[in-house]
Amino acid sequence: MGYQQFTHKRATVIYDDEVLDADCEKLFRSDWLAANCGSAQVERGKAVMFSHAGHDLVFKQYHRGGLAGRVVEKSYLYSRLHNTRVWREFHMLREMRDLGLPVPRPVAARCVSVPPLAYRGALITERVPDSATLAQVLCKAPMEASLWQALGQQIAHFHQQNVYHADLNAHNILLSGADGGGDGSGDGKKPRWYLIDFDKGAIRSPLSRQDAEGNVARLRRSLDKELGRLPGFQFREQDWQALQDAYRTARAEQGQNE
């Protein structure tokens, strides 16, 4: 796998040359995306899905939140390229894939400097095939205990590799092979959990126990929130117990093997 980088005017682009070519900067333009995604628009906080060169891809624009976001919604304070959020997430995804972790393949990233001290960023990743978010799965049917256990084990595996996810919630977890119901076995493929959206995440050496437990607690808060918000959301206390028990067992085994 090779990565190429170029700078055009104020924009710096890095891309995977096994997926895209040097003409890939057009993929970051709102007009191109709108023309190639049906009626999709690049909206704040929403991923744009599209196909290009035989690949199913996902575009994400970085946005600021809070009061600052109302003033400079798409711009961030710029210091150095490698410190920008888009560059850090792109390279973090690369590193996690090198570790064998189930995360989306990073395809391209673009950072545009906005003088004097700001920048805008966008990221393109490969779409995880045949997948649904944890929230989407739980809106259809209850999940079997084996899937909750597998999710707990997968989160523990990320933590073993010192991965910190800044916003682990029910929308940033994907189940592949999810068609056909809550057990994820509709198409005969073995279901697999993926984590997505590593904005503000980091690979820490080592990952502290406090940060790891904070990730798990953040997920629990997310599930409780969706239980009260989404009609038909299928989350039970026994589900959480299955996840938590599997997570703790996996972490204990990891500690014994270190």
Protein backbone atom coordinates (compact mmCIF):
# COMPACT_ATOMS: atom_id res chain seq x y z
CA MET A 1 0.00 0.00 0.00
CA GLY A 2 1.36 3.40 -0.93
CA TYR A 3 0.38 6.90 0.12
CA GLN A 4 1.03 9.99 -1.95
CA GLN A 5 0.94 13.59 -0.84
CA PHE A 6 0.74 16.85 -2.77
CA THR A 7 0.04 20.52 -2.16
CA HIS A 8 -2.10 22.61 -4.48
CA LYS A 9 -2.42 26.30 -3.62
CA ARG A 10 -3.36 26.28 0.10
CA ALA A 11 -4.56 22.66 0.17
CA THR A 12 -2.48 19.63 1.15
CA VAL A 13 -3.87 16.22 0.19
CA ILE A 14 -2.73 12.72 1.13
CA TYR A 15 -4.28 9.72 -0.58
CA ASP A 16 -4.02 5.95 -0.92
CA ASP A 17 -2.77 5.34 -4.45
CA GLU A 18 -4.25 1.84 -4.49
CA VAL A 19 -7.72 3.43 -4.36
CA LEU A 20 -7.40 6.93 -5.83
CA ASP A 21 -5.17 8.88 -8.17
CA ALA A 22 -3.77 12.41 -8.22
CA ASP A 23 -7.10 13.75 -9.48
CA CYS A 24 -8.73 12.93 -6.12
CA GLU A 25 -8.93 16.51 -4.86
CA LYS A 26 -12.21 16.93 -6.70
CA LEU A 27 -13.80 14.43 -4.28
CA PHE A 28 -13.56 17.05 -1.55
CA ARG A 29 -15.63 19.64 -3.43
CA SER A 30 -19.21 20.12 -2.32
CA ASP A 31 -20.47 20.45 -5.89
CA TRP A 32 -18.79 17.21 -6.96
CA LEU A 33 -20.14 15.33 -3.94
CA ALA A 34 -23.67 16.64 -4.49
CA ALA A 35 -23.55 15.58 -8.14
CA ASN A 36 -22.29 12.09 -7.29
CA CYS A 37 -24.40 11.34 -4.22
CA GLY A 38 -27.87 11.89 -5.63
CA SER A 39 -29.29 14.80 -3.69
CA ALA A 40 -26.88 14.50 -0.77
CA GLN A 41 -25.40 17.66 0.65
CA VAL A 42 -22.39 18.20 2.86
CA GLU A 43 -24.15 19.01 6.11
CA ARG A 44 -22.73 19.63 9.52
CA GLY A 45 -22.18 16.44 11.48
CA LYS A 46 -23.36 14.13 8.69
CA ALA A 47 -21.28 11.68 6.70
CA VAL A 48 -21.71 11.66 2.92
CA MET A 49 -21.60 8.25 1.28
CA PHE A 50 -20.68 7.86 -2.37
CA SER A 51 -19.01 5.51 -4.84
CA HIS A 52 -15.93 6.25 -6.91
CA ALA A 53 -13.58 4.09 -8.99
CA GLY A 54 -15.32 0.93 -7.81
CA HIS A 55 -15.08 1.77 -4.11
CA ASP A 56 -17.80 2.69 -1.62
CA LEU A 57 -16.54 5.67 0.33
CA VAL A 58 -17.52 7.99 3.18
CA PHE A 59 -16.75 11.73 3.30
CA LYS A 60 -16.55 13.59 6.61
CA GLN A 61 -16.14 17.34 7.02
CA TYR A 62 -14.67 18.54 10.31
CA HIS A 63 -16.84 21.08 12.10
CA ARG A 64 -16.46 23.10 15.24
CA GLY A 65 -19.11 22.90 17.91
CA GLY A 66 -20.35 25.33 20.53
CA LEU A 67 -20.18 29.11 20.27
CA ALA A 68 -16.96 29.05 18.24
CA GLY A 69 -18.65 26.74 15.74
CA ARG A 70 -21.30 29.34 15.00
CA VAL A 71 -18.60 31.81 14.04
CA VAL A 72 -16.08 29.64 12.19
CA GLU A 73 -18.00 26.38 11.70
CA LYS A 74 -15.52 24.57 9.45
CA SER A 75 -12.24 26.24 10.45
CA TYR A 76 -9.75 25.42 13.21
CA LEU A 77 -6.69 27.11 14.61
CA TYR A 78 -3.76 26.06 12.42
CA SER A 79 -0.26 25.50 13.75
CA ARG A 80 1.38 22.60 11.89
CA LEU A 81 -0.08 20.16 9.42
CA HIS A 82 0.68 17.07 11.50
CA ASN A 83 -1.17 18.62 14.46
CA THR A 84 -4.43 19.14 12.58
CA ARG A 85 -7.36 16.93 13.51
CA VAL A 86 -7.80 15.57 10.00
CA TRP A 87 -4.12 14.60 9.66
CA ARG A 88 -4.05 12.97 13.08
CA GLU A 89 -7.16 10.89 12.46
CA PHE A 90 -5.96 9.80 9.01
CA HIS A 91 -2.62 8.56 10.36
CA MET A 92 -4.22 7.05 13.46
CA LEU A 93 -6.45 4.94 11.21
CA ARG A 94 -3.38 3.83 9.26
CA GLU A 95 -1.59 2.83 12.45
CA MET A 96 -4.57 0.92 13.83
CA ARG A 97 -4.97 -1.01 10.59
CA ASP A 98 -1.28 -1.91 10.78
CA LEU A 99 -2.07 -3.32 14.24
CA GLY A 100 -4.84 -5.43 12.72
CA LEU A 101 -7.65 -3.52 14.39
CA PRO A 102 -11.08 -3.39 12.68
CA VAL A 103 -11.39 0.24 11.60
CA PRO A 104 -12.26 1.81 8.23
CA ARG A 105 -9.52 2.10 5.65
CA PRO A 106 -8.34 5.71 5.33
CA VAL A 107 -8.44 6.71 1.66
CA ALA A 108 -7.71 10.44 1.55
CA ALA A 109 -7.46 13.56 3.68
CA ARG A 110 -7.37 17.23 2.74
CA CYS A 111 -6.31 20.19 4.83
CA VAL A 112 -6.77 23.76 3.58
CA SER A 113 -5.04 26.62 5.37
CA VAL A 114 -7.20 29.67 5.94
CA PRO A 115 -4.93 32.67 6.60
CA PRO A 116 -3.84 33.85 8.95
CA LEU A 117 -4.18 31.03 11.53
CA ALA A 118 -7.06 28.73 10.64
CA TYR A 119 -7.67 25.61 8.52
CA ARG A 120 -10.46 23.40 7.19
CA GLY A 121 -10.25 19.63 7.03
CA ALA A 122 -12.04 16.67 5.47
CA LEU A 123 -11.47 12.92 5.54
CA ILE A 124 -12.49 10.12 3.14
CA THR A 125 -12.58 6.51 4.31
CA GLU A 126 -13.71 3.26 2.78
CA ARG A 127 -17.20 2.23 3.85
CA VAL A 128 -17.41 -0.92 5.99
CA PRO A 129 -19.49 -3.29 3.82
CA ASP A 130 -22.81 -4.74 4.94
CA SER A 131 -22.78 -2.83 8.19
CA ALA A 132 -25.09 -0.99 10.55
CA THR A 133 -24.43 1.07 13.65
CA LEU A 134 -25.08 -0.45 17.05
CA ALA A 135 -27.96 2.03 17.41
CA GLN A 136 -29.51 0.89 14.12
CA VAL A 137 -29.19 -2.78 15.06
CA LEU A 138 -30.86 -2.23 18.42
CA CYS A 139 -33.75 -0.35 16.84
CA LYS A 140 -34.65 -3.51 14.91
CA ALA A 141 -34.40 -6.27 17.51
CA PRO A 142 -32.63 -7.33 20.71
CA MET A 143 -29.08 -8.57 20.23
CA GLU A 144 -27.96 -12.00 21.34
CA ALA A 145 -25.68 -12.23 24.36
CA SER A 146 -22.88 -13.60 22.16
CA LEU A 147 -22.77 -10.34 20.19
CA TRP A 148 -22.65 -8.23 23.35
CA GLN A 149 -19.84 -10.43 24.60
CA ALA A 150 -17.98 -10.09 21.30
CA LEU A 151 -18.32 -6.31 21.49
CA GLY A 152 -16.91 -6.25 25.01
CA GLN A 153 -13.98 -8.37 23.87
CA GLN A 154 -13.38 -6.12 20.86
CA ILE A 155 -13.30 -2.97 22.97
CA ALA A 156 -10.83 -4.70 25.28
CA HIS A 157 -8.68 -5.55 22.26
CA PHE A 158 -8.54 -1.88 21.25
CA HIS A 159 -7.57 -0.96 24.79
CA GLN A 160 -4.86 -3.61 24.81
CA GLN A 161 -3.36 -1.76 21.83
CA ASN A 162 -3.54 1.51 23.83
CA VAL A 163 -6.28 3.01 21.64
CA TYR A 164 -8.31 5.79 23.20
CA HIS A 165 -11.63 6.62 21.49
CA ALA A 166 -12.74 10.12 22.41
CA ASP A 167 -16.45 9.48 21.81
CA LEU A 168 -17.35 5.80 22.04
CA ASN A 169 -21.10 5.74 21.53
CA ALA A 170 -23.83 3.65 19.89
CA HIS A 171 -23.38 5.50 16.58
CA ASN A 172 -19.59 5.04 16.36
CA ILE A 173 -19.73 1.24 16.55
CA LEU A 174 -20.52 -0.79 13.43
CA LEU A 175 -21.60 -4.41 13.11
CA SER A 176 -20.66 -5.94 9.79
CA GLY A 177 -22.74 -8.86 8.57
CA ALA A 178 -25.69 -7.20 10.28
CA ASP A 179 -28.35 -7.88 7.63
CA GLY A 180 -31.08 -10.27 8.60
CA GLY A 181 -31.68 -9.36 12.21
CA GLY A 182 -30.16 -8.67 15.58
CA ASP A 183 -27.95 -11.74 15.61
CA GLY A 184 -25.93 -10.46 12.64
CA SER A 185 -26.08 -13.81 10.88
CA GLY A 186 -28.49 -13.08 8.07
CA ASP A 187 -26.05 -13.57 5.19
CA GLY A 188 -24.04 -16.44 6.62
CA LYS A 189 -20.98 -14.29 7.34
CA LYS A 190 -19.50 -14.17 10.79
CA PRO A 191 -20.42 -10.77 12.25
CA ARG A 192 -17.60 -8.45 13.24
CA TRP A 193 -17.48 -5.27 15.25
CA TYR A 194 -15.74 -2.12 13.97
CA LEU A 195 -15.06 1.19 15.68
CA ILE A 196 -15.32 4.39 13.64
CA ASP A 197 -14.85 8.16 14.05
CA PHE A 198 -11.54 8.61 15.85
CA ASP A 199 -11.58 12.41 15.78
CA LYS A 200 -9.68 13.58 18.90
CA GLY A 201 -8.71 9.97 19.61
CA ALA A 202 -5.15 8.83 20.28
CA ILE A 203 -2.88 5.83 20.67
CA ARG A 204 -1.40 6.35 24.10
CA SER A 205 1.54 4.54 25.59
CA PRO A 206 0.28 3.27 27.85
CA LEU A 207 -3.49 3.77 27.91
CA SER A 208 -4.42 4.54 31.50
CA ARG A 209 -7.00 2.50 33.34
CA GLN A 210 -8.98 5.69 33.90
CA ASP A 211 -9.16 6.42 30.16
CA ALA A 212 -10.11 2.83 29.32
CA GLU A 213 -12.88 2.76 31.92
CA GLY A 214 -13.98 6.19 30.72
CA ASN A 215 -14.50 4.79 27.22
CA VAL A 216 -16.72 2.01 28.55
CA ALA A 217 -18.67 4.40 30.77
CA ARG A 218 -19.22 6.74 27.80
CA LEU A 219 -20.76 3.86 25.85
CA ARG A 220 -23.12 3.04 28.71
CA ARG A 221 -24.30 6.67 28.87
CA SER A 222 -24.91 6.61 25.13
CA LEU A 223 -27.01 3.44 25.33
CA ASP A 224 -29.08 4.84 28.19
CA LYS A 225 -29.63 8.05 26.23
CA GLU A 226 -30.80 6.23 23.10
CA LEU A 227 -33.07 4.00 25.18
CA GLY A 228 -35.00 7.08 26.19
CA ARG A 229 -34.85 8.72 22.77
CA LEU A 230 -35.28 6.09 20.03
CA PRO A 231 -38.60 4.22 19.66
CA GLY A 232 -38.22 0.46 20.00
CA PHE A 233 -34.59 0.66 21.15
CA GLN A 234 -33.74 -2.82 22.48
CA PHE A 235 -31.27 -2.42 25.34
CA ARG A 236 -31.53 -4.32 28.62
CA GLU A 237 -29.47 -4.44 31.77
CA GLN A 238 -28.56 -8.06 31.04
CA ASP A 239 -27.08 -6.93 27.71
CA TRP A 240 -24.76 -4.53 29.46
CA GLN A 241 -23.78 -7.18 31.97
CA ALA A 242 -22.80 -9.53 29.13
CA LEU A 243 -20.64 -6.83 27.52
CA GLN A 244 -19.06 -5.74 30.78
CA ASP A 245 -18.29 -9.28 31.96
CA ALA A 246 -16.65 -10.13 28.61
CA TYR A 247 -14.67 -6.88 28.66
CA ARG A 248 -13.37 -7.44 32.18
CA THR A 249 -12.47 -11.06 31.46
CA ALA A 250 -10.58 -10.09 28.32
CA ARG A 251 -8.70 -7.30 30.13
CA ALA A 252 -7.77 -9.68 32.96
CA GLU A 253 -6.44 -12.23 30.44
CA GLN A 254 -4.48 -9.50 28.67
CA GLY A 255 -2.90 -8.48 31.96
CA GLN A 256 -1.85 -12.06 32.67
CA ASN A 257 -0.25 -12.39 29.22
CA GLU A 258 1.77 -9.18 29.45
